[in-house]
Amino acid sequence: MNEIALMAEDLRERIISDPESVLDDHDVMRALIAANEKALGGNIVDLRGIAMERLETRLDRLEDTHRGVIAAAYENLAGTNQVHRAILKMLDPTDFESFLRDLGGDVAAVLRVDSIKLVLETLQSSEDPVVSRLSDVLVTAQPGFIDEYLSGGRNIPVRQVTLRQTHPDNNRIYGERASWVHSEACLKLDFGSGRLPGMLVMGAEDPHQFQPTQGTDLLSFFADVFERSMRRWLD
């Protein structure tokens, strides 16, 4: 009994000297509140205890929201840095063929996509030797193809950026890779007055990498920079 009394006295002194250590420990506080409720008996409603439980629940929700906001902020920052690095890489080449080859190589690697294709509408023959040399990244199509591909033949407005799972008729874009590309980001390009439009298509094997619910601000910015780069080459 003396040992128990000494332990109790020691514990009492430690709590009095450092009460914050008890207040900051959620498990200890729950145990004390539970003991208090038990001492009050079953016929007494402890409004303070109920209020504390509600405050704890709200605090837990607030902490979860706080973590979610921080995670989203870090993700947005990482995405911004990724797009900026891709743009800098895209601006490095000094000739058009290198520009397109880098698009399907280093730029795609920085953006962490499995395929990048540039679709250009043209009235010229697809037998052009430049098109043949760059077939890994460059696709030519008849006028009207891009809007048809983006809308699926439906009478709907065509947005600058479309995120979705892969279009069922995607062989024209991806060729042999069509069977394993399961989601895509389609960026419609405006090359200026008097020129036919283009489209940049980023394909991913992961079916959830591009989804309609995701934000498109960074991809819109990338499309704007790409348009200006292409106008330089077209001039």
C-alpha atoms as a PDB file:
ATOM      1  CA  MET A   1       0.000   0.000   0.000  1.00  0.00           C
ATOM      2  CA  ASN A   2       2.846   2.339   0.853  1.00  0.00           C
ATOM      3  CA  GLU A   3       4.375   1.722  -2.605  1.00  0.00           C
ATOM      4  CA  ILE A   4       1.032   2.460  -4.262  1.00  0.00           C
ATOM      5  CA  ALA A   5       0.679   5.614  -2.188  1.00  0.00           C
ATOM      6  CA  LEU A   6       4.199   6.709  -3.113  1.00  0.00           C
ATOM      7  CA  MET A   7       3.490   6.062  -6.814  1.00  0.00           C
ATOM      8  CA  ALA A   8       0.247   8.019  -6.588  1.00  0.00           C
ATOM      9  CA  GLU A   9       1.990  10.907  -4.838  1.00  0.00           C
ATOM     10  CA  ASP A  10       4.780  10.877  -7.450  1.00  0.00           C
ATOM     11  CA  LEU A  11       2.242  10.864 -10.291  1.00  0.00           C
ATOM     12  CA  ARG A  12       0.304  13.701  -8.626  1.00  0.00           C
ATOM     13  CA  GLU A  13       3.436  15.820  -8.329  1.00  0.00           C
ATOM     14  CA  ARG A  14       4.391  15.169 -11.976  1.00  0.00           C
ATOM     15  CA  ILE A  15       0.918  16.171 -13.172  1.00  0.00           C
ATOM     16  CA  ILE A  16       0.918  19.346 -11.048  1.00  0.00           C
ATOM     17  CA  SER A  17       4.387  20.299 -12.280  1.00  0.00           C
ATOM     18  CA  ASP A  18       3.572  19.636 -15.949  1.00  0.00           C
ATOM     19  CA  PRO A  19      -0.224  19.657 -16.556  1.00  0.00           C
ATOM     20  CA  GLU A  20       0.222  20.356 -20.287  1.00  0.00           C
ATOM     21  CA  SER A  21       1.583  16.839 -20.797  1.00  0.00           C
ATOM     22  CA  VAL A  22      -1.813  15.484 -19.703  1.00  0.00           C
ATOM     23  CA  LEU A  23      -3.890  18.038 -21.615  1.00  0.00           C
ATOM     24  CA  ASP A  24      -1.957  17.371 -24.832  1.00  0.00           C
ATOM     25  CA  ASP A  25      -2.401  13.588 -24.608  1.00  0.00           C
ATOM     26  CA  HIS A  26      -5.738  12.725 -26.251  1.00  0.00           C
ATOM     27  CA  ASP A  27      -5.802   9.161 -24.914  1.00  0.00           C
ATOM     28  CA  VAL A  28      -5.230  10.281 -21.315  1.00  0.00           C
ATOM     29  CA  MET A  29      -7.900  12.968 -21.604  1.00  0.00           C
ATOM     30  CA  ARG A  30     -10.420  10.488 -23.018  1.00  0.00           C
ATOM     31  CA  ALA A  31      -9.701   8.110 -20.132  1.00  0.00           C
ATOM     32  CA  LEU A  32     -10.209  10.904 -17.581  1.00  0.00           C
ATOM     33  CA  ILE A  33     -13.457  12.031 -19.223  1.00  0.00           C
ATOM     34  CA  ALA A  34     -14.734   8.437 -19.332  1.00  0.00           C
ATOM     35  CA  ALA A  35     -13.889   7.995 -15.644  1.00  0.00           C
ATOM     36  CA  ASN A  36     -15.706  11.244 -14.833  1.00  0.00           C
ATOM     37  CA  GLU A  37     -18.808  10.133 -16.716  1.00  0.00           C
ATOM     38  CA  LYS A  38     -18.767   6.787 -14.911  1.00  0.00           C
ATOM     39  CA  ALA A  39     -18.540   8.556 -11.549  1.00  0.00           C
ATOM     40  CA  LEU A  40     -21.515  10.763 -12.429  1.00  0.00           C
ATOM     41  CA  GLY A  41     -23.736   7.762 -13.019  1.00  0.00           C
ATOM     42  CA  GLY A  42     -26.005   6.803 -15.894  1.00  0.00           C
ATOM     43  CA  ASN A  43     -28.829   9.214 -15.027  1.00  0.00           C
ATOM     44  CA  ILE A  44     -26.776  12.396 -15.381  1.00  0.00           C
ATOM     45  CA  VAL A  45     -26.085  13.946 -18.773  1.00  0.00           C
ATOM     46  CA  ASP A  46     -22.622  15.502 -18.933  1.00  0.00           C
ATOM     47  CA  LEU A  47     -23.136  18.352 -21.379  1.00  0.00           C
ATOM     48  CA  ARG A  48     -19.508  19.360 -21.114  1.00  0.00           C
ATOM     49  CA  GLY A  49     -18.410  15.849 -22.133  1.00  0.00           C
ATOM     50  CA  ILE A  50     -20.807  15.871 -25.085  1.00  0.00           C
ATOM     51  CA  ALA A  51     -19.508  19.261 -26.146  1.00  0.00           C
ATOM     52  CA  MET A  52     -15.925  18.027 -25.943  1.00  0.00           C
ATOM     53  CA  GLU A  53     -16.748  14.975 -28.064  1.00  0.00           C
ATOM     54  CA  ARG A  54     -18.271  17.212 -30.716  1.00  0.00           C
ATOM     55  CA  LEU A  55     -15.301  19.540 -30.606  1.00  0.00           C
ATOM     56  CA  GLU A  56     -12.946  16.568 -30.993  1.00  0.00           C
ATOM     57  CA  THR A  57     -14.916  15.365 -34.029  1.00  0.00           C
ATOM     58  CA  ARG A  58     -14.796  18.825 -35.594  1.00  0.00           C
ATOM     59  CA  LEU A  59     -11.087  19.100 -34.847  1.00  0.00           C
ATOM     60  CA  ASP A  60     -10.420  15.736 -36.512  1.00  0.00           C
ATOM     61  CA  ARG A  61     -12.347  16.861 -39.601  1.00  0.00           C
ATOM     62  CA  LEU A  62     -10.465  20.152 -39.650  1.00  0.00           C
ATOM     63  CA  GLU A  63      -7.116  18.347 -39.417  1.00  0.00           C
ATOM     64  CA  ASP A  64      -8.125  16.032 -42.295  1.00  0.00           C
ATOM     65  CA  THR A  65      -9.139  19.053 -44.393  1.00  0.00           C
ATOM     66  CA  HIS A  66      -5.868  20.788 -43.518  1.00  0.00           C
ATOM     67  CA  ARG A  67      -3.866  17.756 -44.651  1.00  0.00           C
ATOM     68  CA  GLY A  68      -5.905  17.575 -47.854  1.00  0.00           C
ATOM     69  CA  VAL A  69      -5.281  21.257 -48.647  1.00  0.00           C
ATOM     70  CA  ILE A  70      -1.537  20.877 -48.037  1.00  0.00           C
ATOM     71  CA  ALA A  71      -1.399  17.732 -50.201  1.00  0.00           C
ATOM     72  CA  ALA A  72      -3.285  19.497 -53.013  1.00  0.00           C
ATOM     73  CA  ALA A  73      -0.963  22.507 -52.771  1.00  0.00           C
ATOM     74  CA  TYR A  74       2.123  20.305 -53.041  1.00  0.00           C
ATOM     75  CA  GLU A  75       0.573  18.429 -55.964  1.00  0.00           C
ATOM     76  CA  ASN A  76      -0.224  21.685 -57.785  1.00  0.00           C
ATOM     77  CA  LEU A  77       3.288  22.979 -57.168  1.00  0.00           C
ATOM     78  CA  ALA A  78       4.798  19.739 -58.467  1.00  0.00           C
ATOM     79  CA  GLY A  79       2.567  19.904 -61.553  1.00  0.00           C
ATOM     80  CA  THR A  80       3.534  23.526 -62.200  1.00  0.00           C
ATOM     81  CA  ASN A  81       7.247  22.718 -61.954  1.00  0.00           C
ATOM     82  CA  GLN A  82       6.752  19.732 -64.254  1.00  0.00           C
ATOM     83  CA  VAL A  83       5.044  21.808 -66.964  1.00  0.00           C
ATOM     84  CA  HIS A  84       7.670  24.556 -66.651  1.00  0.00           C
ATOM     85  CA  ARG A  85      10.486  22.022 -67.136  1.00  0.00           C
ATOM     86  CA  ALA A  86       8.701  20.559 -70.157  1.00  0.00           C
ATOM     87  CA  ILE A  87       8.312  24.019 -71.718  1.00  0.00           C
ATOM     88  CA  LEU A  88      12.007  24.829 -71.207  1.00  0.00           C
ATOM     89  CA  LYS A  89      12.922  21.489 -72.787  1.00  0.00           C
ATOM     90  CA  MET A  90      10.577  22.241 -75.699  1.00  0.00           C
ATOM     91  CA  LEU A  91      12.269  25.593 -76.340  1.00  0.00           C
ATOM     92  CA  ASP A  92      15.783  24.121 -76.632  1.00  0.00           C
ATOM     93  CA  PRO A  93      15.805  22.778 -80.251  1.00  0.00           C
ATOM     94  CA  THR A  94      17.055  25.013 -83.049  1.00  0.00           C
ATOM     95  CA  ASP A  95      15.382  23.188 -85.962  1.00  0.00           C
ATOM     96  CA  PHE A  96      11.862  21.893 -86.564  1.00  0.00           C
ATOM     97  CA  GLU A  97      12.667  18.188 -86.775  1.00  0.00           C
ATOM     98  CA  SER A  98      14.554  18.265 -83.477  1.00  0.00           C
ATOM     99  CA  PHE A  99      11.652  20.200 -81.969  1.00  0.00           C
ATOM    100  CA  LEU A 100       9.212  17.435 -82.886  1.00  0.00           C
ATOM    101  CA  ARG A 101      11.539  14.573 -81.932  1.00  0.00           C
ATOM    102  CA  ASP A 102      12.116  16.120 -78.512  1.00  0.00           C
ATOM    103  CA  LEU A 103       8.365  16.465 -78.137  1.00  0.00           C
ATOM    104  CA  GLY A 104       7.928  12.710 -78.379  1.00  0.00           C
ATOM    105  CA  GLY A 105      11.046  12.004 -76.305  1.00  0.00           C
ATOM    106  CA  ASP A 106      12.374  14.317 -73.604  1.00  0.00           C
ATOM    107  CA  VAL A 107       9.212  16.429 -73.295  1.00  0.00           C
ATOM    108  CA  ALA A 108       7.027  13.339 -72.958  1.00  0.00           C
ATOM    109  CA  ALA A 109       9.400  11.965 -70.314  1.00  0.00           C
ATOM    110  CA  VAL A 110       9.272  15.183 -68.267  1.00  0.00           C
ATOM    111  CA  LEU A 111       5.457  15.197 -68.432  1.00  0.00           C
ATOM    112  CA  ARG A 112       5.398  11.496 -67.533  1.00  0.00           C
ATOM    113  CA  VAL A 113       3.146  10.494 -70.405  1.00  0.00           C
ATOM    114  CA  ASP A 114       3.595   7.399 -72.534  1.00  0.00           C
ATOM    115  CA  SER A 115       2.931   9.035 -75.887  1.00  0.00           C
ATOM    116  CA  ILE A 116       2.713  12.504 -77.430  1.00  0.00           C
ATOM    117  CA  LYS A 117       1.316  12.995 -80.909  1.00  0.00           C
ATOM    118  CA  LEU A 118       0.999  16.211 -82.891  1.00  0.00           C
ATOM    119  CA  VAL A 119      -1.957  16.123 -85.293  1.00  0.00           C
ATOM    120  CA  LEU A 120      -1.933  18.657 -88.130  1.00  0.00           C
ATOM    121  CA  GLU A 121      -4.834  19.139 -90.495  1.00  0.00           C
ATOM    122  CA  THR A 122      -3.592  19.664 -94.037  1.00  0.00           C
ATOM    123  CA  LEU A 123      -4.720  19.575 -97.646  1.00  0.00           C
ATOM    124  CA  GLN A 124      -1.365  18.200 -98.754  1.00  0.00           C
ATOM    125  CA  SER A 125      -0.501  14.559 -99.315  1.00  0.00           C
ATOM    126  CA  SER A 126       0.590  12.502 -96.301  1.00  0.00           C
ATOM    127  CA  GLU A 127       3.419  11.078 -98.433  1.00  0.00           C
ATOM    128  CA  ASP A 128       5.606  14.075 -97.619  1.00  0.00           C
ATOM    129  CA  PRO A 129       9.095  12.751 -96.668  1.00  0.00           C
ATOM    130  CA  VAL A 130       9.216  14.956 -93.539  1.00  0.00           C
ATOM    131  CA  VAL A 131       5.942  13.423 -92.328  1.00  0.00           C
ATOM    132  CA  SER A 132       7.308   9.938 -92.963  1.00  0.00           C
ATOM    133  CA  ARG A 133      10.504  10.649 -91.011  1.00  0.00           C
ATOM    134  CA  LEU A 134       8.554  12.024 -88.070  1.00  0.00           C
ATOM    135  CA  SER A 135       5.705   9.500 -88.061  1.00  0.00           C
ATOM    136  CA  ASP A 136       6.451   8.559 -84.435  1.00  0.00           C
ATOM    137  CA  VAL A 137       5.187  11.938 -83.297  1.00  0.00           C
ATOM    138  CA  LEU A 138       3.524  13.645 -86.289  1.00  0.00           C
ATOM    139  CA  VAL A 139       0.121  12.685 -87.725  1.00  0.00           C
ATOM    140  CA  THR A 140      -1.565  14.468 -90.638  1.00  0.00           C
ATOM    141  CA  ALA A 141      -5.294  14.449 -91.256  1.00  0.00           C
ATOM    142  CA  GLN A 142      -7.939  15.946 -93.499  1.00  0.00           C
ATOM    143  CA  PRO A 143      -9.618  19.231 -92.452  1.00  0.00           C
ATOM    144  CA  GLY A 144     -12.365  18.640 -89.894  1.00  0.00           C
ATOM    145  CA  PHE A 145     -10.733  15.546 -88.375  1.00  0.00           C
ATOM    146  CA  ILE A 146      -9.770  17.239 -85.077  1.00  0.00           C
ATOM    147  CA  ASP A 147     -13.248  18.546 -84.215  1.00  0.00           C
ATOM    148  CA  GLU A 148     -14.706  15.174 -85.183  1.00  0.00           C
ATOM    149  CA  TYR A 149     -12.221  13.341 -82.959  1.00  0.00           C
ATOM    150  CA  LEU A 150     -12.804  15.655 -79.989  1.00  0.00           C
ATOM    151  CA  SER A 151     -16.606  15.719 -80.225  1.00  0.00           C
ATOM    152  CA  GLY A 152     -17.103  12.098 -81.246  1.00  0.00           C
ATOM    153  CA  GLY A 153     -19.396  13.294 -84.015  1.00  0.00           C
ATOM    154  CA  ARG A 154     -21.766  14.961 -81.550  1.00  0.00           C
ATOM    155  CA  ASN A 155     -22.986  18.538 -81.848  1.00  0.00           C
ATOM    156  CA  ILE A 156     -21.161  19.847 -78.765  1.00  0.00           C
ATOM    157  CA  PRO A 157     -18.714  22.708 -78.195  1.00  0.00           C
ATOM    158  CA  VAL A 158     -15.047  21.714 -78.552  1.00  0.00           C
ATOM    159  CA  ARG A 159     -12.896  22.858 -75.612  1.00  0.00           C
ATOM    160  CA  GLN A 160      -9.219  23.778 -75.790  1.00  0.00           C
ATOM    161  CA  VAL A 161      -8.361  20.921 -73.389  1.00  0.00           C
ATOM    162  CA  THR A 162     -10.238  17.618 -73.246  1.00  0.00           C
ATOM    163  CA  LEU A 163      -9.359  14.987 -70.638  1.00  0.00           C
ATOM    164  CA  ARG A 164     -10.890  11.539 -70.992  1.00  0.00           C
ATOM    165  CA  GLN A 165     -10.387   7.839 -71.349  1.00  0.00           C
ATOM    166  CA  THR A 166      -9.164   6.902 -74.781  1.00  0.00           C
ATOM    167  CA  HIS A 167     -11.422   7.528 -77.747  1.00  0.00           C
ATOM    168  CA  PRO A 168     -12.587   4.177 -79.208  1.00  0.00           C
ATOM    169  CA  ASP A 169     -11.402   5.145 -82.702  1.00  0.00           C
ATOM    170  CA  ASN A 170      -7.832   6.026 -81.717  1.00  0.00           C
ATOM    171  CA  ASN A 171      -5.809   3.918 -84.170  1.00  0.00           C
ATOM    172  CA  ARG A 172      -5.488   6.934 -86.439  1.00  0.00           C
ATOM    173  CA  ILE A 173      -3.674   8.773 -83.646  1.00  0.00           C
ATOM    174  CA  TYR A 174      -1.628   6.150 -81.809  1.00  0.00           C
ATOM    175  CA  GLY A 175      -1.095   3.480 -84.459  1.00  0.00           C
ATOM    176  CA  GLU A 176       0.438   0.370 -82.898  1.00  0.00           C
ATOM    177  CA  ARG A 177       0.283   1.914 -79.422  1.00  0.00           C
ATOM    178  CA  ALA A 178      -3.510   2.234 -79.512  1.00  0.00           C
ATOM    179  CA  SER A 179      -4.096  -1.019 -77.620  1.00  0.00           C
ATOM    180  CA  TRP A 180      -2.277   0.118 -74.469  1.00  0.00           C
ATOM    181  CA  VAL A 181      -3.104   3.833 -74.340  1.00  0.00           C
ATOM    182  CA  HIS A 182      -6.131   4.106 -72.045  1.00  0.00           C
ATOM    183  CA  SER A 183      -6.475   7.812 -71.199  1.00  0.00           C
ATOM    184  CA  GLU A 184      -5.569  10.990 -73.022  1.00  0.00           C
ATOM    185  CA  ALA A 185      -5.306  14.756 -72.844  1.00  0.00           C
ATOM    186  CA  CYS A 186      -6.260  16.439 -76.126  1.00  0.00           C
ATOM    187  CA  LEU A 187      -5.061  20.023 -76.598  1.00  0.00           C
ATOM    188  CA  LYS A 188      -6.614  21.822 -79.564  1.00  0.00           C
ATOM    189  CA  LEU A 189      -4.198  24.285 -81.157  1.00  0.00           C
ATOM    190  CA  ASP A 190      -4.881  27.538 -82.974  1.00  0.00           C
ATOM    191  CA  PHE A 191      -2.029  28.498 -85.299  1.00  0.00           C
ATOM    192  CA  GLY A 192      -3.483  31.824 -86.333  1.00  0.00           C
ATOM    193  CA  SER A 193      -5.685  33.335 -89.008  1.00  0.00           C
ATOM    194  CA  GLY A 194      -5.712  31.488 -92.328  1.00  0.00           C
ATOM    195  CA  ARG A 195      -4.169  28.299 -90.923  1.00  0.00           C
ATOM    196  CA  LEU A 196      -5.840  24.978 -90.218  1.00  0.00           C
ATOM    197  CA  PRO A 197      -5.933  23.900 -86.552  1.00  0.00           C
ATOM    198  CA  GLY A 198      -3.753  21.305 -84.884  1.00  0.00           C
ATOM    199  CA  MET A 199      -4.025  19.068 -81.864  1.00  0.00           C
ATOM    200  CA  LEU A 200      -1.526  17.815 -79.296  1.00  0.00           C
ATOM    201  CA  VAL A 201      -2.521  14.461 -77.827  1.00  0.00           C
ATOM    202  CA  MET A 202      -0.884  13.079 -74.680  1.00  0.00           C
ATOM    203  CA  GLY A 203      -1.631   9.407 -74.141  1.00  0.00           C
ATOM    204  CA  ALA A 204      -1.170   7.405 -70.945  1.00  0.00           C
ATOM    205  CA  GLU A 205      -1.365   3.697 -70.207  1.00  0.00           C
ATOM    206  CA  ASP A 206      -2.966   4.486 -66.835  1.00  0.00           C
ATOM    207  CA  PRO A 207      -6.736   4.883 -67.452  1.00  0.00           C
ATOM    208  CA  HIS A 208      -6.979   7.313 -64.518  1.00  0.00           C
ATOM    209  CA  GLN A 209      -4.069   9.620 -65.404  1.00  0.00           C
ATOM    210  CA  PHE A 210      -6.374  11.941 -67.360  1.00  0.00           C
ATOM    211  CA  GLN A 211      -9.955  12.387 -66.134  1.00  0.00           C
ATOM    212  CA  PRO A 212     -12.637  14.979 -66.966  1.00  0.00           C
ATOM    213  CA  THR A 213     -12.799  16.090 -63.302  1.00  0.00           C
ATOM    214  CA  GLN A 214      -9.154  17.237 -63.239  1.00  0.00           C
ATOM    215  CA  GLY A 215      -8.109  20.872 -63.600  1.00  0.00           C
ATOM    216  CA  THR A 216      -6.861  21.999 -67.004  1.00  0.00           C
ATOM    217  CA  ASP A 217      -5.130  25.337 -66.248  1.00  0.00           C
ATOM    218  CA  LEU A 218      -1.578  23.989 -66.591  1.00  0.00           C
ATOM    219  CA  LEU A 219      -2.369  22.099 -69.792  1.00  0.00           C
ATOM    220  CA  SER A 220      -4.038  25.211 -71.235  1.00  0.00           C
ATOM    221  CA  PHE A 221      -0.872  27.163 -70.468  1.00  0.00           C
ATOM    222  CA  PHE A 222       1.246  24.442 -72.106  1.00  0.00           C
ATOM    223  CA  ALA A 223      -1.012  24.550 -75.189  1.00  0.00           C
ATOM    224  CA  ASP A 224      -0.671  28.357 -75.402  1.00  0.00           C
ATOM    225  CA  VAL A 225       3.135  28.131 -75.309  1.00  0.00           C
ATOM    226  CA  PHE A 226       3.148  25.297 -77.849  1.00  0.00           C
ATOM    227  CA  GLU A 227       0.947  27.309 -80.226  1.00  0.00           C
ATOM    228  CA  ARG A 228       3.383  30.207 -80.145  1.00  0.00           C
ATOM    229  CA  SER A 229       6.346  27.883 -80.736  1.00  0.00           C
ATOM    230  CA  MET A 230       4.610  26.278 -83.717  1.00  0.00           C
ATOM    231  CA  ARG A 231       3.742  29.666 -85.217  1.00  0.00           C
ATOM    232  CA  ARG A 232       7.444  30.508 -85.121  1.00  0.00           C
ATOM    233  CA  TRP A 233       8.296  27.357 -87.074  1.00  0.00           C
ATOM    234  CA  LEU A 234       5.389  27.792 -89.499  1.00  0.00           C
ATOM    235  CA  ASP A 235       6.492  31.340 -90.261  1.00  0.00           C
END
